[in-house]
Amino acid sequence: MEIWALMRRVPIMVYVAVALIFEMAFIDENSFVQNYRYNRQIAQLRKSISHYQQVVDESRTRLEELGTNDENLEKFARETYQMKRDNEDVFIIVDK
């Protein structure tokens, strides 16, 4: 009985304010919890962007090297595609 008596003394606006704060914090689409998740996802995406930007820069540098120097192009073809000259044999050693 004391709980009901205490609840009658508190104005209804306090209950409304508490309910709105609870909704904004946990239930709403733009809640603090959802905002935290979005910020974490943004951080992961920025990390991915920087990683792929680095890969693109390395690939551009490699492409420029291959386009300007025939020796580098031959070396790349031999290493990547196991190309060989007519008078040579290529042995591929695979570690287990």
N, C-alpha and C. Protein backbone atom coordinates (compact mmCIF):
# COMPACT_ATOMS: atom_id res chain seq x y z
N MET A 1 0.81 -1.20 0.00
CA MET A 1 0.00 0.00 0.00
C MET A 1 0.85 1.26 0.00
N GLU A 2 2.02 1.20 0.63
CA GLU A 2 2.87 2.38 0.70
C GLU A 2 3.38 2.79 -0.67
N ILE A 3 3.61 1.81 -1.54
CA ILE A 3 4.12 2.12 -2.88
C ILE A 3 3.09 2.93 -3.65
N TRP A 4 1.83 2.54 -3.55
CA TRP A 4 0.79 3.27 -4.27
C TRP A 4 0.62 4.67 -3.70
N ALA A 5 0.76 4.80 -2.41
CA ALA A 5 0.65 6.13 -1.80
C ALA A 5 1.80 7.01 -2.24
N LEU A 6 2.99 6.42 -2.35
CA LEU A 6 4.15 7.19 -2.80
C LEU A 6 4.01 7.57 -4.28
N MET A 7 3.46 6.65 -5.08
CA MET A 7 3.30 6.94 -6.50
C MET A 7 2.28 8.04 -6.74
N ARG A 8 1.30 8.16 -5.88
CA ARG A 8 0.30 9.22 -6.04
C ARG A 8 0.88 10.59 -5.74
N ARG A 9 1.91 10.65 -4.92
CA ARG A 9 2.52 11.93 -4.56
C ARG A 9 3.39 12.50 -5.69
N VAL A 10 3.94 11.62 -6.53
CA VAL A 10 4.81 12.07 -7.61
C VAL A 10 3.93 12.54 -8.77
N PRO A 11 4.20 13.73 -9.29
CA PRO A 11 3.38 14.24 -10.41
C PRO A 11 3.51 13.35 -11.65
N ILE A 12 2.48 13.35 -12.45
CA ILE A 12 2.45 12.51 -13.65
C ILE A 12 3.52 12.93 -14.65
N MET A 13 3.92 14.17 -14.63
CA MET A 13 4.95 14.67 -15.56
C MET A 13 6.29 13.98 -15.31
N VAL A 14 6.57 13.60 -14.09
CA VAL A 14 7.80 12.89 -13.79
C VAL A 14 7.79 11.53 -14.47
N TYR A 15 6.64 10.84 -14.41
CA TYR A 15 6.52 9.53 -15.07
C TYR A 15 6.68 9.67 -16.58
N VAL A 16 6.08 10.71 -17.14
CA VAL A 16 6.17 10.94 -18.58
C VAL A 16 7.62 11.23 -18.96
N ALA A 17 8.30 12.04 -18.17
CA ALA A 17 9.69 12.38 -18.46
C ALA A 17 10.58 11.14 -18.38
N VAL A 18 10.37 10.30 -17.38
CA VAL A 18 11.16 9.07 -17.24
C VAL A 18 10.90 8.14 -18.42
N ALA A 19 9.65 8.04 -18.83
CA ALA A 19 9.33 7.18 -19.97
C ALA A 19 9.97 7.69 -21.25
N LEU A 20 9.97 8.99 -21.47
CA LEU A 20 10.60 9.55 -22.67
C LEU A 20 12.11 9.37 -22.65
N ILE A 21 12.72 9.55 -21.51
CA ILE A 21 14.17 9.36 -21.41
C ILE A 21 14.53 7.90 -21.66
N PHE A 22 13.74 6.98 -21.12
CA PHE A 22 13.97 5.55 -21.36
C PHE A 22 13.84 5.22 -22.84
N GLU A 23 12.83 5.79 -23.48
CA GLU A 23 12.64 5.55 -24.91
C GLU A 23 13.82 6.09 -25.72
N MET A 24 14.25 7.30 -25.40
CA MET A 24 15.38 7.88 -26.15
C MET A 24 16.67 7.10 -25.93
N ALA A 25 16.84 6.53 -24.76
CA ALA A 25 18.09 5.84 -24.45
C ALA A 25 18.15 4.44 -25.03
N PHE A 26 17.04 3.72 -25.08
CA PHE A 26 17.11 2.30 -25.42
C PHE A 26 16.20 1.86 -26.57
N ILE A 27 15.06 2.47 -26.74
CA ILE A 27 14.06 1.95 -27.68
C ILE A 27 14.10 2.64 -29.03
N ASP A 28 14.28 3.93 -29.05
CA ASP A 28 14.17 4.73 -30.27
C ASP A 28 15.20 4.30 -31.32
N GLU A 29 14.90 4.59 -32.58
CA GLU A 29 15.82 4.26 -33.69
C GLU A 29 17.15 5.00 -33.55
N ASN A 30 17.14 6.17 -32.97
CA ASN A 30 18.36 6.97 -32.78
C ASN A 30 18.82 6.92 -31.32
N SER A 31 18.68 5.80 -30.69
CA SER A 31 19.03 5.67 -29.28
C SER A 31 20.54 5.70 -29.08
N PHE A 32 20.94 5.80 -27.85
CA PHE A 32 22.37 5.82 -27.53
C PHE A 32 23.02 4.49 -27.89
N VAL A 33 22.31 3.42 -27.68
CA VAL A 33 22.84 2.09 -28.00
C VAL A 33 23.04 1.96 -29.51
N GLN A 34 22.04 2.37 -30.28
CA GLN A 34 22.14 2.30 -31.73
C GLN A 34 23.23 3.25 -32.25
N ASN A 35 23.35 4.40 -31.63
CA ASN A 35 24.38 5.36 -32.00
C ASN A 35 25.77 4.77 -31.78
N TYR A 36 25.96 4.06 -30.68
CA TYR A 36 27.23 3.39 -30.40
C TYR A 36 27.53 2.34 -31.46
N ARG A 37 26.52 1.55 -31.84
CA ARG A 37 26.72 0.53 -32.88
C ARG A 37 27.10 1.17 -34.21
N TYR A 38 26.43 2.26 -34.56
CA TYR A 38 26.75 2.94 -35.81
C TYR A 38 28.17 3.48 -35.80
N ASN A 39 28.59 4.07 -34.69
CA ASN A 39 29.95 4.60 -34.60
C ASN A 39 30.99 3.50 -34.71
N ARG A 40 30.72 2.34 -34.12
CA ARG A 40 31.63 1.21 -34.22
C ARG A 40 31.72 0.70 -35.66
N GLN A 41 30.58 0.65 -36.33
CA GLN A 41 30.55 0.22 -37.73
C GLN A 41 31.29 1.21 -38.62
N ILE A 42 31.13 2.49 -38.37
CA ILE A 42 31.85 3.52 -39.13
C ILE A 42 33.35 3.37 -38.94
N ALA A 43 33.79 3.10 -37.73
CA ALA A 43 35.22 2.91 -37.47
C ALA A 43 35.76 1.70 -38.25
N GLN A 44 34.99 0.61 -38.29
CA GLN A 44 35.43 -0.57 -39.04
C GLN A 44 35.49 -0.28 -40.53
N LEU A 45 34.52 0.46 -41.04
CA LEU A 45 34.52 0.79 -42.46
C LEU A 45 35.67 1.72 -42.82
N ARG A 46 35.99 2.66 -41.95
CA ARG A 46 37.14 3.54 -42.21
C ARG A 46 38.44 2.75 -42.22
N LYS A 47 38.54 1.77 -41.35
CA LYS A 47 39.72 0.90 -41.32
C LYS A 47 39.82 0.12 -42.62
N SER A 48 38.70 -0.40 -43.11
CA SER A 48 38.69 -1.12 -44.38
C SER A 48 39.07 -0.21 -45.54
N ILE A 49 38.57 1.01 -45.51
CA ILE A 49 38.89 1.97 -46.57
C ILE A 49 40.39 2.23 -46.61
N SER A 50 41.00 2.44 -45.44
CA SER A 50 42.44 2.72 -45.43
C SER A 50 43.23 1.50 -45.90
N HIS A 51 42.78 0.29 -45.54
CA HIS A 51 43.46 -0.92 -45.99
C HIS A 51 43.40 -1.04 -47.51
N TYR A 52 42.21 -0.89 -48.07
CA TYR A 52 42.07 -1.03 -49.51
C TYR A 52 42.75 0.10 -50.26
N GLN A 53 42.80 1.28 -49.67
CA GLN A 53 43.53 2.38 -50.30
C GLN A 53 45.01 2.05 -50.38
N GLN A 54 45.54 1.43 -49.35
CA GLN A 54 46.94 1.01 -49.35
C GLN A 54 47.18 -0.06 -50.42
N VAL A 55 46.25 -0.99 -50.56
CA VAL A 55 46.38 -2.04 -51.59
C VAL A 55 46.35 -1.41 -52.97
N VAL A 56 45.48 -0.44 -53.19
CA VAL A 56 45.39 0.23 -54.49
C VAL A 56 46.69 0.98 -54.78
N ASP A 57 47.24 1.67 -53.79
CA ASP A 57 48.49 2.40 -53.99
C ASP A 57 49.64 1.46 -54.35
N GLU A 58 49.72 0.32 -53.65
CA GLU A 58 50.76 -0.66 -53.96
C GLU A 58 50.59 -1.22 -55.37
N SER A 59 49.35 -1.48 -55.76
CA SER A 59 49.09 -2.01 -57.10
C SER A 59 49.45 -0.99 -58.18
N ARG A 60 49.15 0.28 -57.93
CA ARG A 60 49.51 1.32 -58.90
C ARG A 60 51.02 1.42 -59.06
N THR A 61 51.73 1.37 -57.94
CA THR A 61 53.19 1.43 -58.00
C THR A 61 53.74 0.25 -58.77
N ARG A 62 53.20 -0.93 -58.52
CA ARG A 62 53.64 -2.14 -59.22
C ARG A 62 53.35 -2.05 -60.72
N LEU A 63 52.18 -1.52 -61.06
CA LEU A 63 51.80 -1.37 -62.46
C LEU A 63 52.71 -0.39 -63.18
N GLU A 64 53.05 0.69 -62.52
CA GLU A 64 53.97 1.66 -63.12
C GLU A 64 55.34 1.04 -63.35
N GLU A 65 55.81 0.24 -62.39
CA GLU A 65 57.09 -0.44 -62.55
C GLU A 65 57.05 -1.41 -63.72
N LEU A 66 55.96 -2.14 -63.85
CA LEU A 66 55.85 -3.12 -64.93
C LEU A 66 55.73 -2.45 -66.29
N GLY A 67 55.10 -1.29 -66.33
CA GLY A 67 54.92 -0.59 -67.60
C GLY A 67 56.17 0.12 -68.09
N THR A 68 57.08 0.43 -67.20
CA THR A 68 58.25 1.21 -67.61
C THR A 68 59.49 0.37 -67.82
N ASN A 69 59.55 -0.83 -67.28
CA ASN A 69 60.77 -1.61 -67.35
C ASN A 69 60.45 -3.03 -67.80
N ASP A 70 61.06 -3.44 -68.93
CA ASP A 70 60.80 -4.78 -69.47
C ASP A 70 61.38 -5.87 -68.58
N GLU A 71 62.47 -5.59 -67.89
CA GLU A 71 63.05 -6.60 -66.99
C GLU A 71 62.10 -6.90 -65.83
N ASN A 72 61.48 -5.87 -65.30
CA ASN A 72 60.51 -6.08 -64.22
C ASN A 72 59.29 -6.86 -64.72
N LEU A 73 58.86 -6.58 -65.95
CA LEU A 73 57.73 -7.29 -66.51
C LEU A 73 58.05 -8.77 -66.67
N GLU A 74 59.25 -9.08 -67.16
CA GLU A 74 59.65 -10.47 -67.33
C GLU A 74 59.75 -11.17 -65.97
N LYS A 75 60.32 -10.48 -64.99
CA LYS A 75 60.45 -11.05 -63.65
C LYS A 75 59.07 -11.34 -63.05
N PHE A 76 58.14 -10.41 -63.22
CA PHE A 76 56.77 -10.59 -62.71
C PHE A 76 56.09 -11.79 -63.38
N ALA A 77 56.22 -11.91 -64.69
CA ALA A 77 55.60 -13.02 -65.42
C ALA A 77 56.20 -14.35 -64.99
N ARG A 78 57.50 -14.38 -64.80
CA ARG A 78 58.16 -15.62 -64.39
C ARG A 78 57.73 -16.03 -62.98
N GLU A 79 57.66 -15.08 -62.06
CA GLU A 79 57.31 -15.40 -60.67
C GLU A 79 55.83 -15.72 -60.50
N THR A 80 54.98 -14.95 -61.15
CA THR A 80 53.55 -15.09 -60.93
C THR A 80 52.93 -16.23 -61.74
N TYR A 81 53.29 -16.31 -63.00
CA TYR A 81 52.65 -17.27 -63.89
C TYR A 81 53.55 -18.44 -64.25
N GLN A 82 54.68 -18.57 -63.59
CA GLN A 82 55.65 -19.65 -63.81
C GLN A 82 56.00 -19.79 -65.30
N MET A 83 56.17 -18.67 -65.97
CA MET A 83 56.57 -18.69 -67.38
C MET A 83 58.04 -19.04 -67.47
N LYS A 84 58.42 -19.64 -68.59
CA LYS A 84 59.81 -20.04 -68.76
C LYS A 84 60.21 -19.85 -70.20
N ARG A 85 61.51 -19.85 -70.39
CA ARG A 85 62.04 -19.80 -71.74
C ARG A 85 62.05 -21.21 -72.33
N ASP A 86 62.28 -21.31 -73.65
CA ASP A 86 62.22 -22.62 -74.31
C ASP A 86 63.30 -23.58 -73.81
N ASN A 87 64.44 -23.06 -73.45
CA ASN A 87 65.55 -23.95 -73.08
C ASN A 87 65.71 -24.13 -71.57
N GLU A 88 64.71 -23.81 -70.74
CA GLU A 88 64.85 -23.98 -69.30
C GLU A 88 63.73 -24.86 -68.74
N ASP A 89 64.02 -25.40 -67.59
CA ASP A 89 63.03 -26.16 -66.83
C ASP A 89 62.75 -25.41 -65.55
N VAL A 90 61.48 -25.43 -65.12
CA VAL A 90 61.09 -24.74 -63.90
C VAL A 90 60.63 -25.79 -62.89
N PHE A 91 61.18 -25.72 -61.69
CA PHE A 91 60.80 -26.62 -60.62
C PHE A 91 60.10 -25.81 -59.53
N ILE A 92 58.91 -26.24 -59.15
CA ILE A 92 58.14 -25.56 -58.11
C ILE A 92 58.21 -26.41 -56.85
N ILE A 93 58.69 -25.82 -55.78
CA ILE A 93 58.84 -26.52 -54.51
C ILE A 93 57.75 -26.00 -53.57
N VAL A 94 56.95 -26.93 -53.06
CA VAL A 94 55.85 -26.55 -52.17
C VAL A 94 56.18 -27.08 -50.78
N ASP A 95 56.18 -26.19 -49.80
CA ASP A 95 56.41 -26.59 -48.40
C ASP A 95 55.10 -27.07 -47.82
N LYS A 96 55.17 -28.14 -47.02
CA LYS A 96 53.96 -28.66 -46.39
C LYS A 96 53.82 -28.14 -44.99
